[in-house]
């Protein structure tokens, strides 16, 4: 029987790697590390706002037009779906995501893997807490991937300041963060979606070490050959700067909450869950910085491409 896996957020930090990892598993001929879902029985459906653009970037079986804010797109998206990778885009209202969760339950999706954040079960102030609760109440089997801070945020969210100013400016104080690579999270999600023994469980996912942002800046400096400094601005100054960079107020305030956990010493916990699930060590920040060095170097003479 063919098992159709839906991937939302497929153009995002983690979703793109979920698609790649699932496609790799669909292409496997077997072997000791073959997934429980037979390769011939796995069908990957990518749900994005622009399926034509996504089809040029990814290999998948299906591409469908989908928008959390447009319920009229949900029927085609969910038709015959067995498992789903669910992400809440930062700009999408929580009510729209929880309404989609209800739709997952109504159409008979049997397993939802939700990308959450560390500590979501204890923090009712963040959207992930409410979404997790709704999924658990939906009757659908679930797996919560509670991830630490994405390494890719350094290139995608803070890359401009790193390139143009040579600085990481976040209100994290001297607290440590157990950075995790989005590529490893994609591999974990694919493993959970295609393997057994992961239903109705929650996984806390981190890298193999916790670093302060002072230490992270030194790692980026070494990898790029250009000095990167760390500056911890006040919350009002940080929000003002992020607004100047074009971030919505809600997203800027969400970042304040995330970096506040580091400032309070709550973001440095390290787990071995990624290693146990993947059978290998997670990538460290040095590996990430080396792999993404061209995206972190200043542009122009002496910089990147």
Protein backbone atom coordinates (compact mmCIF):
# COMPACT_ATOMS: atom_id res chain seq x y z
CA UNK A 1 0.00 0.00 0.00
CA UNK A 2 1.36 3.42 -0.94
CA UNK A 3 1.93 5.76 1.99
CA UNK A 4 1.67 9.46 1.13
CA UNK A 5 3.70 11.86 3.26
CA UNK A 6 2.76 15.55 3.22
CA UNK A 7 5.47 18.15 3.87
CA UNK A 8 4.42 21.68 4.81
CA UNK A 9 6.96 24.48 5.03
CA UNK A 10 8.96 22.72 2.31
CA UNK A 11 10.87 25.86 1.32
CA UNK A 12 11.78 26.67 4.91
CA UNK A 13 14.86 26.10 7.04
CA UNK A 14 13.99 22.52 7.98
CA UNK A 15 11.26 21.58 5.53
CA UNK A 16 13.58 21.65 2.53
CA UNK A 17 15.79 19.05 4.21
CA UNK A 18 12.78 16.91 5.15
CA UNK A 19 11.86 16.75 1.45
CA UNK A 20 15.42 15.84 0.45
CA UNK A 21 15.72 13.17 3.12
CA UNK A 22 12.36 11.61 2.24
CA UNK A 23 13.27 11.62 -1.46
CA UNK A 24 16.53 9.86 -0.62
CA UNK A 25 14.64 7.23 1.33
CA UNK A 26 12.17 6.78 -1.51
CA UNK A 27 15.11 6.13 -3.85
CA UNK A 28 16.84 3.61 -1.57
CA UNK A 29 17.17 0.02 -2.71
CA UNK A 30 17.28 -1.29 0.83
CA UNK A 31 20.17 -2.25 3.07
CA UNK A 32 20.82 -2.21 6.77
CA UNK A 33 19.64 1.38 7.16
CA UNK A 34 16.53 1.14 4.99
CA UNK A 35 13.39 2.72 6.52
CA UNK A 36 10.41 0.70 7.67
CA UNK A 37 8.30 2.16 4.84
CA UNK A 38 9.34 0.31 1.68
CA UNK A 39 10.82 2.62 -0.94
CA UNK A 40 8.25 1.68 -3.58
CA UNK A 41 5.44 2.54 -1.14
CA UNK A 42 6.56 6.05 -0.16
CA UNK A 43 5.06 9.06 -1.95
CA UNK A 44 6.17 12.59 -1.04
CA UNK A 45 3.74 15.49 -1.45
CA UNK A 46 5.12 19.02 -1.14
CA UNK A 47 2.60 21.67 -0.06
CA UNK A 48 3.65 25.24 -0.85
CA UNK A 49 2.15 28.51 -2.05
CA UNK A 50 3.94 28.26 -5.42
CA UNK A 51 4.17 24.61 -6.51
CA UNK A 52 5.74 25.45 -9.88
CA UNK A 53 8.63 27.26 -8.23
CA UNK A 54 9.07 24.44 -5.72
CA UNK A 55 9.11 21.84 -8.49
CA UNK A 56 12.18 23.56 -9.93
CA UNK A 57 13.99 23.27 -6.59
CA UNK A 58 13.01 19.84 -5.26
CA UNK A 59 12.52 16.26 -6.27
CA UNK A 60 9.18 14.97 -5.01
CA UNK A 61 6.22 13.00 -6.32
CA UNK A 62 3.62 15.74 -6.04
CA UNK A 63 3.48 19.52 -5.63
CA UNK A 64 0.25 21.16 -4.49
CA UNK A 65 -0.80 24.76 -3.90
CA UNK A 66 -1.35 25.25 -0.17
CA UNK A 67 -1.86 28.17 2.19
CA UNK A 68 -2.72 27.92 5.89
CA UNK A 69 -4.82 31.06 5.49
CA UNK A 70 -6.85 29.66 2.57
CA UNK A 71 -8.91 26.65 3.69
CA UNK A 72 -10.07 26.17 0.10
CA UNK A 73 -6.58 24.79 -0.63
CA UNK A 74 -6.72 22.19 2.13
CA UNK A 75 -8.89 19.57 0.40
CA UNK A 76 -6.46 18.83 -2.45
CA UNK A 77 -3.53 19.08 -0.06
CA UNK A 78 -4.89 16.48 2.36
CA UNK A 79 -6.42 14.02 -0.10
CA UNK A 80 -5.23 10.48 0.75
CA UNK A 81 -2.48 11.74 3.08
CA UNK A 82 -1.23 9.24 5.66
CA UNK A 83 1.52 11.16 7.46
CA UNK A 84 2.40 14.84 7.65
CA UNK A 85 5.32 17.04 8.60
CA UNK A 86 3.81 20.20 10.08
CA UNK A 87 5.51 23.56 10.54
CA UNK A 88 4.07 26.82 11.79
CA UNK A 89 5.43 29.65 9.59
CA UNK A 90 6.33 32.64 11.81
CA UNK A 91 3.91 34.96 10.00
CA UNK A 92 0.90 32.61 10.16
CA UNK A 93 -1.63 33.03 12.94
CA UNK A 94 -1.81 30.18 15.43
CA UNK A 95 -5.58 29.86 14.91
CA UNK A 96 -5.02 29.03 11.24
CA UNK A 97 -2.56 26.27 12.17
CA UNK A 98 -4.84 24.76 14.81
CA UNK A 99 -7.73 24.81 12.34
CA UNK A 100 -5.54 22.88 9.92
CA UNK A 101 -4.72 20.41 12.71
CA UNK A 102 -8.46 19.81 13.11
CA UNK A 103 -8.68 19.15 9.36
CA UNK A 104 -5.87 16.59 9.62
CA UNK A 105 -7.92 14.69 12.16
CA UNK A 106 -11.14 14.89 10.15
CA UNK A 107 -9.64 13.42 6.97
CA UNK A 108 -7.93 10.53 8.77
CA UNK A 109 -4.24 11.44 8.69
CA UNK A 110 -2.72 8.91 11.08
CA UNK A 111 0.60 10.52 12.06
CA UNK A 112 1.66 14.16 12.42
CA UNK A 113 5.27 15.14 13.04
CA UNK A 114 5.28 18.70 14.35
CA UNK A 115 8.39 20.89 14.45
CA UNK A 116 8.20 22.55 17.85
CA UNK A 117 10.74 24.19 20.14
CA UNK A 118 12.56 23.23 23.31
CA UNK A 119 10.44 23.80 26.40
CA UNK A 120 7.17 24.24 24.48
CA UNK A 121 5.35 21.93 26.87
CA UNK A 122 6.20 24.25 29.78
CA UNK A 123 5.65 27.64 28.16
CA UNK A 124 2.00 28.54 27.47
CA UNK A 125 3.05 31.95 26.11
CA UNK A 126 4.44 30.60 22.82
CA UNK A 127 2.36 29.37 19.85
CA UNK A 128 4.01 25.93 19.85
CA UNK A 129 2.46 25.13 23.24
CA UNK A 130 -1.05 25.66 21.97
CA UNK A 131 -0.43 23.80 18.71
CA UNK A 132 1.08 20.81 20.51
CA UNK A 133 -1.93 20.67 22.80
CA UNK A 134 -4.35 20.79 19.86
CA UNK A 135 -2.51 17.99 18.06
CA UNK A 136 -2.52 15.80 21.17
CA UNK A 137 -6.27 16.37 21.54
CA UNK A 138 -7.02 15.67 17.87
CA UNK A 139 -6.76 11.89 18.19
CA UNK A 140 -4.03 11.75 15.53
CA UNK A 141 -0.79 9.98 16.46
CA UNK A 142 1.93 12.58 16.86
CA UNK A 143 5.63 13.13 17.30
CA UNK A 144 6.82 16.48 18.63
CA UNK A 145 10.30 17.54 17.52
CA UNK A 146 11.28 20.13 20.13
CA UNK A 147 14.30 21.74 18.56
CA UNK A 148 16.93 24.08 19.88
CA UNK A 149 18.00 27.21 17.98
CA UNK A 150 18.64 26.53 14.29
CA UNK A 151 22.20 27.14 13.12
CA UNK A 152 20.71 28.29 9.82
CA UNK A 153 19.18 31.29 11.57
CA UNK A 154 22.68 32.73 11.61
CA UNK A 155 22.62 32.87 7.81
CA UNK A 156 18.91 33.36 7.15
CA UNK A 157 17.86 35.74 9.93
CA UNK A 158 21.14 37.34 10.94
CA UNK A 159 23.19 36.85 7.79
CA UNK A 160 22.80 40.42 6.59
CA UNK A 161 24.20 41.90 9.79
CA UNK A 162 27.01 39.35 9.87
CA UNK A 163 27.99 40.18 6.30
CA UNK A 164 27.49 43.94 6.43
CA UNK A 165 28.43 44.76 10.02
CA UNK A 166 30.49 41.78 11.08
CA UNK A 167 28.31 41.25 14.14
CA UNK A 168 25.70 39.04 15.74
CA UNK A 169 23.34 41.36 17.60
CA UNK A 170 20.86 39.44 19.78
CA UNK A 171 19.64 40.01 23.36
CA UNK A 172 21.01 36.71 24.69
CA UNK A 173 23.45 38.06 27.28
CA UNK A 174 26.16 35.56 28.22
CA UNK A 175 23.85 32.55 28.11
CA UNK A 176 24.66 29.38 26.21
CA UNK A 177 22.69 27.90 23.31
CA UNK A 178 22.76 24.28 22.11
CA UNK A 179 22.60 25.13 18.39
CA UNK A 180 21.22 22.41 16.08
CA UNK A 181 21.66 22.09 12.32
CA UNK A 182 18.48 22.17 10.23
CA UNK A 183 19.93 19.40 8.05
CA UNK A 184 20.01 17.10 11.07
CA UNK A 185 16.44 18.05 11.97
CA UNK A 186 15.35 17.17 8.43
CA UNK A 187 16.99 13.77 8.78
CA UNK A 188 15.30 13.22 12.14
CA UNK A 189 11.88 14.15 10.75
CA UNK A 190 12.27 11.75 7.83
CA UNK A 191 13.40 9.01 10.18
CA UNK A 192 10.38 9.52 12.42
CA UNK A 193 7.96 9.70 9.49
CA UNK A 194 9.20 6.49 7.89
CA UNK A 195 10.25 4.48 10.92
CA UNK A 196 8.46 2.74 13.78
CA UNK A 197 8.39 3.35 17.50
CA UNK A 198 8.09 7.14 17.37
CA UNK A 199 4.37 7.73 17.70
CA UNK A 200 2.97 9.73 20.60
CA UNK A 201 6.47 10.71 21.70
CA UNK A 202 8.33 13.98 22.10
CA UNK A 203 12.00 14.46 21.29
CA UNK A 204 14.24 17.26 22.55
CA UNK A 205 16.73 17.92 19.76
CA UNK A 206 19.99 19.81 20.18
CA UNK A 207 23.51 19.84 18.83
CA UNK A 208 26.37 18.18 20.65
CA UNK A 209 27.56 21.28 22.54
CA UNK A 210 26.32 24.53 24.05
CA UNK A 211 28.06 27.78 23.16
CA UNK A 212 27.70 31.40 24.16
CA UNK A 213 27.25 33.87 21.32
CA UNK A 214 30.75 35.15 22.06
CA UNK A 215 32.00 31.64 21.28
CA UNK A 216 29.72 31.34 18.25
CA UNK A 217 31.09 34.60 16.86
CA UNK A 218 34.64 33.25 17.17
CA UNK A 219 33.63 30.09 15.31
CA UNK A 220 32.17 32.17 12.47
CA UNK A 221 35.28 34.37 12.40
CA UNK A 222 37.55 31.34 12.06
CA UNK A 223 35.42 29.79 9.31
CA UNK A 224 35.04 32.93 7.21
CA UNK A 225 38.41 34.57 7.78
CA UNK A 226 36.59 37.80 8.73
CA UNK A 227 36.02 39.07 12.24
CA UNK A 228 32.53 38.56 13.61
CA UNK A 229 31.69 40.17 16.96
CA UNK A 230 28.84 39.52 19.34
CA UNK A 231 26.79 42.39 20.73
CA UNK A 232 23.89 41.97 23.14
CA UNK A 233 21.55 44.97 22.67
CA UNK A 234 18.69 45.95 24.94
CA UNK A 235 15.30 44.52 24.04
CA UNK A 236 13.93 47.88 22.72
CA UNK A 237 17.08 48.41 20.65
CA UNK A 238 16.88 44.89 19.25
CA UNK A 239 13.20 45.22 18.30
CA UNK A 240 13.84 48.59 16.69
CA UNK A 241 16.72 47.21 14.65
CA UNK A 242 14.74 44.16 13.51
CA UNK A 243 11.87 46.41 12.48
CA UNK A 244 14.34 48.50 10.46
CA UNK A 245 15.43 45.30 8.74
CA UNK A 246 11.83 44.60 7.76
CA UNK A 247 10.74 42.03 10.33
CA UNK A 248 7.10 42.11 11.46
CA UNK A 249 6.67 43.21 15.08
CA UNK A 250 5.31 39.81 16.08
CA UNK A 251 8.35 38.03 14.71
CA UNK A 252 10.72 40.45 16.44
CA UNK A 253 8.97 39.88 19.75
CA UNK A 254 9.09 36.11 19.22
CA UNK A 255 12.86 36.38 18.78
CA UNK A 256 13.05 38.37 22.01
CA UNK A 257 11.35 35.47 23.79
CA UNK A 258 13.69 32.93 22.20
CA UNK A 259 16.85 34.84 23.05
CA UNK A 260 15.47 35.53 26.50
CA UNK A 261 15.68 31.83 27.26
CA UNK A 262 19.42 31.97 26.52
CA UNK A 263 19.85 35.10 28.63
CA UNK A 264 18.17 33.30 31.52
CA UNK A 265 20.40 30.25 31.14
CA UNK A 266 17.61 27.99 29.84
CA UNK A 267 18.84 27.29 26.29
CA UNK A 268 22.07 25.43 26.95
CA UNK A 269 20.76 21.95 27.65
CA UNK A 270 22.39 19.30 25.44
CA UNK A 271 20.73 15.98 24.60
CA UNK A 272 21.94 12.91 22.73
CA UNK A 273 18.60 12.40 20.96
CA UNK A 274 19.81 13.30 17.45
CA UNK A 275 22.65 10.81 17.76
CA UNK A 276 20.34 8.07 19.02
CA UNK A 277 17.82 8.61 16.22
CA UNK A 278 20.31 8.98 13.37
CA UNK A 279 23.09 6.70 14.56
CA UNK A 280 25.68 9.46 14.17
CA UNK A 281 26.76 12.62 15.93
CA UNK A 282 24.95 15.84 15.04
CA UNK A 283 26.86 18.47 13.09
CA UNK A 284 28.61 21.04 15.27
CA UNK A 285 28.70 24.78 14.65
CA UNK A 286 32.19 24.59 13.20
CA UNK A 287 31.01 22.20 10.50
CA UNK A 288 28.01 24.39 9.77
CA UNK A 289 30.10 27.56 9.57
CA UNK A 290 32.56 25.92 7.19
CA UNK A 291 29.78 24.61 4.97
CA UNK A 292 27.99 27.99 4.88
CA UNK A 293 31.04 30.27 4.95
CA UNK A 294 30.24 31.90 1.60
CA UNK A 295 26.86 33.01 2.96
CA UNK A 296 28.52 34.63 5.99
CA UNK A 297 31.43 36.46 4.37
CA UNK A 298 31.20 40.15 3.45
CA UNK A 299 30.31 40.77 -0.16
CA UNK A 300 32.72 42.49 -2.50
CA UNK A 301 36.54 42.59 -2.63
CA UNK A 302 38.09 40.30 -0.05
CA UNK A 303 34.72 38.87 0.88
CA UNK A 304 32.48 36.26 -0.63
CA UNK A 305 31.33 35.77 -4.20
